[in-house]
Amino acid sequence: MNYEHKMKELLNEHMTNNAYKFWSIIEKKIGNLCWNKPSSSTGKFHKKEGGYVPSISEHTYEMLYATIQNYALFGISSKTKDSDLLLFAVSLHDGLKYGPENSNLHTDVRHDKLMADRIELARKSFNILFTDIEINILVDTIRYHQGPWSTDVNGDFNFRDFHPFVLFVHTLDMLSSRNCLKVEEK
């Protein structure tokens, strides 16, 4: 199954038109995203039924699907700015999981920081869609999607210090990595 294609179909269906166009541009500008690489380079994590390790695109698709099914948690709906912001965070959270050029043999434990920093550098471009406050939420959601294990955590970490999207994306990531998210196939 082509999860990269399915992921893009979901984004197109649930993002505003301008956000999806912008997402497509960002995906190309970042370049060489690791959609088809395994979500665990060692095979120890992210195992599904039968012991296989899904690709980054399958893992991301699963999280996007769960996000859309749970919009009610935040009182949001598809094709809104809040939807765009949350879908950007989920879709890009592991985009650089194999390093800045996605050429590492193994996953990069700093991938949260790498992507968040890249978005920070492109802040002016993101201002096309989002306010500075919204970009801060996007950056934090990606930067801290590994929760207390995130690269930029210095000392104590508490989800109460962040926007609820941070905990939500972290939770989905943990559930997916432990094979607790299920996707309804059409």
Protein backbone atom coordinates (compact mmCIF):
# COMPACT_ATOMS: atom_id res chain seq x y z
CA MET A 1 0.00 0.00 0.00
CA ASN A 2 1.30 3.47 -0.86
CA TYR A 3 1.00 5.32 2.45
CA GLU A 4 2.78 8.41 1.15
CA HIS A 5 -0.02 8.81 -1.39
CA LYS A 6 -2.72 8.05 1.20
CA MET A 7 -1.15 10.56 3.59
CA LYS A 8 -1.22 13.26 0.92
CA GLU A 9 -4.84 12.43 0.08
CA LEU A 10 -5.81 12.89 3.74
CA LEU A 11 -3.96 16.19 3.95
CA ASN A 12 -5.58 17.44 0.74
CA GLU A 13 -9.03 16.43 1.99
CA HIS A 14 -8.70 18.03 5.45
CA MET A 15 -6.43 21.07 4.99
CA THR A 16 -7.56 24.34 3.51
CA ASN A 17 -6.60 24.68 -0.16
CA ASN A 18 -3.91 27.27 0.59
CA ALA A 19 -2.45 25.18 3.39
CA TYR A 20 -2.25 22.05 1.25
CA LYS A 21 -0.57 23.97 -1.57
CA PHE A 22 1.89 25.43 0.94
CA TRP A 23 2.48 21.99 2.52
CA SER A 24 3.32 20.60 -0.95
CA ILE A 25 5.82 23.41 -1.50
CA ILE A 26 7.39 22.94 1.94
CA GLU A 27 7.69 19.20 1.38
CA LYS A 28 9.60 19.85 -1.86
CA LYS A 29 11.78 22.59 -0.32
CA ILE A 30 12.77 20.41 2.62
CA GLY A 31 13.47 17.72 0.07
CA ASN A 32 14.28 14.08 0.50
CA LEU A 33 11.85 13.45 3.33
CA CYS A 34 12.17 9.94 4.63
CA TRP A 35 8.62 8.72 3.89
CA ASN A 36 9.68 5.26 2.73
CA LYS A 37 12.30 4.54 5.38
CA PRO A 38 11.37 2.38 8.39
CA SER A 39 10.01 4.19 11.44
CA SER A 40 12.60 2.25 13.48
CA SER A 41 16.00 1.70 11.90
CA THR A 42 16.91 -1.08 14.34
CA GLY A 43 13.58 -2.87 14.09
CA LYS A 44 13.20 -2.81 17.89
CA PHE A 45 10.40 -0.25 17.95
CA HIS A 46 7.17 0.55 16.09
CA LYS A 47 6.44 -3.13 15.40
CA LYS A 48 3.06 -4.05 13.96
CA GLU A 49 1.23 -7.36 13.75
CA GLY A 50 3.56 -10.00 12.40
CA GLY A 51 6.62 -8.08 13.61
CA TYR A 52 7.07 -5.78 10.63
CA VAL A 53 8.18 -2.17 11.08
CA PRO A 54 6.08 0.37 9.17
CA SER A 55 7.52 3.13 7.02
CA ILE A 56 7.54 6.75 8.22
CA SER A 57 4.65 7.42 5.81
CA GLU A 58 2.54 4.59 7.26
CA HIS A 59 3.27 5.78 10.81
CA THR A 60 2.45 9.38 9.84
CA TYR A 61 -0.70 8.35 7.96
CA GLU A 62 -1.88 6.47 11.04
CA MET A 63 -1.32 9.56 13.20
CA LEU A 64 -3.03 11.85 10.67
CA TYR A 65 -6.03 9.54 10.50
CA ALA A 66 -6.29 9.47 14.32
CA THR A 67 -5.92 13.26 14.46
CA ILE A 68 -8.80 13.82 12.07
CA GLN A 69 -10.99 11.31 13.93
CA ASN A 70 -10.32 13.20 17.17
CA TYR A 71 -10.76 16.84 16.12
CA ALA A 72 -13.62 17.06 18.64
CA LEU A 73 -11.03 17.02 21.46
CA PHE A 74 -10.10 20.54 20.40
CA GLY A 75 -13.44 21.67 19.01
CA ILE A 76 -11.99 22.01 15.53
CA SER A 77 -13.07 20.76 12.14
CA SER A 78 -11.47 20.12 8.78
CA LYS A 79 -10.50 22.91 6.41
CA THR A 80 -9.80 25.39 9.23
CA LYS A 81 -6.65 27.17 10.37
CA ASP A 82 -6.48 25.04 13.54
CA SER A 83 -6.81 21.89 11.45
CA ASP A 84 -4.03 23.13 9.17
CA LEU A 85 -1.74 23.81 12.12
CA LEU A 86 -2.29 20.41 13.72
CA LEU A 87 -1.95 18.53 10.41
CA PHE A 88 1.30 20.37 9.64
CA ALA A 89 2.69 19.32 13.02
CA VAL A 90 1.71 15.67 12.63
CA SER A 91 2.81 15.41 9.01
CA LEU A 92 6.24 16.92 9.61
CA HIS A 93 7.08 15.56 13.08
CA ASP A 94 9.29 12.70 11.77
CA GLY A 95 10.19 14.24 8.41
CA LEU A 96 13.90 14.42 9.24
CA LYS A 97 14.07 11.25 11.31
CA TYR A 98 17.15 10.10 9.37
CA GLY A 99 19.12 13.32 9.81
CA PRO A 100 19.26 16.72 8.09
CA GLU A 101 19.62 15.15 4.64
CA ASN A 102 17.78 11.94 5.57
CA SER A 103 20.89 10.01 4.62
CA ASN A 104 21.74 8.52 8.03
CA LEU A 105 21.82 4.75 8.31
CA HIS A 106 19.98 4.97 11.64
CA THR A 107 17.38 7.35 12.99
CA ASP A 108 18.64 10.63 14.41
CA VAL A 109 17.59 11.19 18.02
CA ARG A 110 17.72 14.94 17.26
CA HIS A 111 15.10 14.75 14.49
CA ASP A 112 12.62 16.72 16.61
CA LYS A 113 15.07 19.63 16.92
CA LEU A 114 16.19 19.39 13.28
CA MET A 115 12.66 19.85 11.91
CA ALA A 116 11.64 22.48 14.48
CA ASP A 117 14.78 24.51 13.72
CA ARG A 118 14.14 24.21 9.99
CA ILE A 119 10.63 25.62 10.45
CA GLU A 120 12.03 28.42 12.61
CA LEU A 121 14.42 29.32 9.79
CA ALA A 122 11.46 29.41 7.38
CA ARG A 123 9.27 31.45 9.75
CA LYS A 124 8.67 34.22 7.19
CA SER A 125 7.38 31.66 4.72
CA PHE A 126 5.10 30.11 7.33
CA ASN A 127 3.72 33.59 8.07
CA ILE A 128 1.83 33.22 4.80
CA LEU A 129 -0.56 30.90 6.67
CA PHE A 130 0.07 31.34 10.37
CA THR A 131 0.64 34.09 12.93
CA ASP A 132 3.86 34.12 14.95
CA ILE A 133 1.98 32.63 17.91
CA GLU A 134 0.66 29.79 15.71
CA ILE A 135 4.14 29.17 14.32
CA ASN A 136 5.42 28.96 17.90
CA ILE A 137 2.80 26.28 18.58
CA LEU A 138 3.83 24.40 15.43
CA VAL A 139 7.51 24.58 16.33
CA ASP A 140 6.91 23.51 19.94
CA THR A 141 4.66 20.65 18.86
CA ILE A 142 7.38 19.26 16.63
CA ARG A 143 10.28 20.15 18.93
CA TYR A 144 8.69 18.40 21.92
CA HIS A 145 6.81 15.56 20.22
CA GLN A 146 9.10 13.14 22.07
CA GLY A 147 7.90 14.59 25.38
CA PRO A 148 10.45 14.36 28.18
CA TRP A 149 12.89 12.61 25.79
CA SER A 150 12.94 15.54 23.35
CA THR A 151 16.35 16.88 22.35
CA ASP A 152 15.80 20.39 23.73
CA VAL A 153 14.53 19.35 27.15
CA ASN A 154 16.80 20.78 29.80
CA GLY A 155 15.82 19.56 33.25
CA ASP A 156 12.20 19.18 34.22
CA PHE A 157 9.60 18.75 31.50
CA ASN A 158 5.89 19.28 31.97
CA PHE A 159 3.23 19.21 29.25
CA ARG A 160 1.31 21.90 31.17
CA ASP A 161 3.95 24.37 29.99
CA PHE A 162 2.92 23.87 26.34
CA HIS A 163 -0.05 24.11 24.02
CA PRO A 164 -2.29 20.99 24.17
CA PHE A 165 -1.20 20.02 20.64
CA VAL A 166 2.22 19.05 22.05
CA LEU A 167 0.76 16.40 24.35
CA PHE A 168 -1.67 15.26 21.67
CA VAL A 169 1.02 14.64 19.03
CA HIS A 170 3.30 13.02 21.61
CA THR A 171 0.47 10.72 22.69
CA LEU A 172 -0.37 9.72 19.11
CA ASP A 173 3.31 9.06 18.42
CA MET A 174 3.58 6.84 21.50
CA LEU A 175 0.35 4.98 20.69
CA SER A 176 1.47 4.40 17.11
CA SER A 177 4.92 3.20 18.16
CA ARG A 178 3.25 0.65 20.45
CA ASN A 179 0.77 -0.54 17.83
CA CYS A 180 -2.22 0.92 19.68
CA LEU A 181 -3.60 3.06 16.84
CA LYS A 182 -5.86 1.44 14.31
CA VAL A 183 -6.79 2.81 10.93
CA GLU A 184 -10.06 1.97 9.25
CA GLU A 185 -9.30 0.91 5.70
CA LYS A 186 -11.79 1.95 3.03
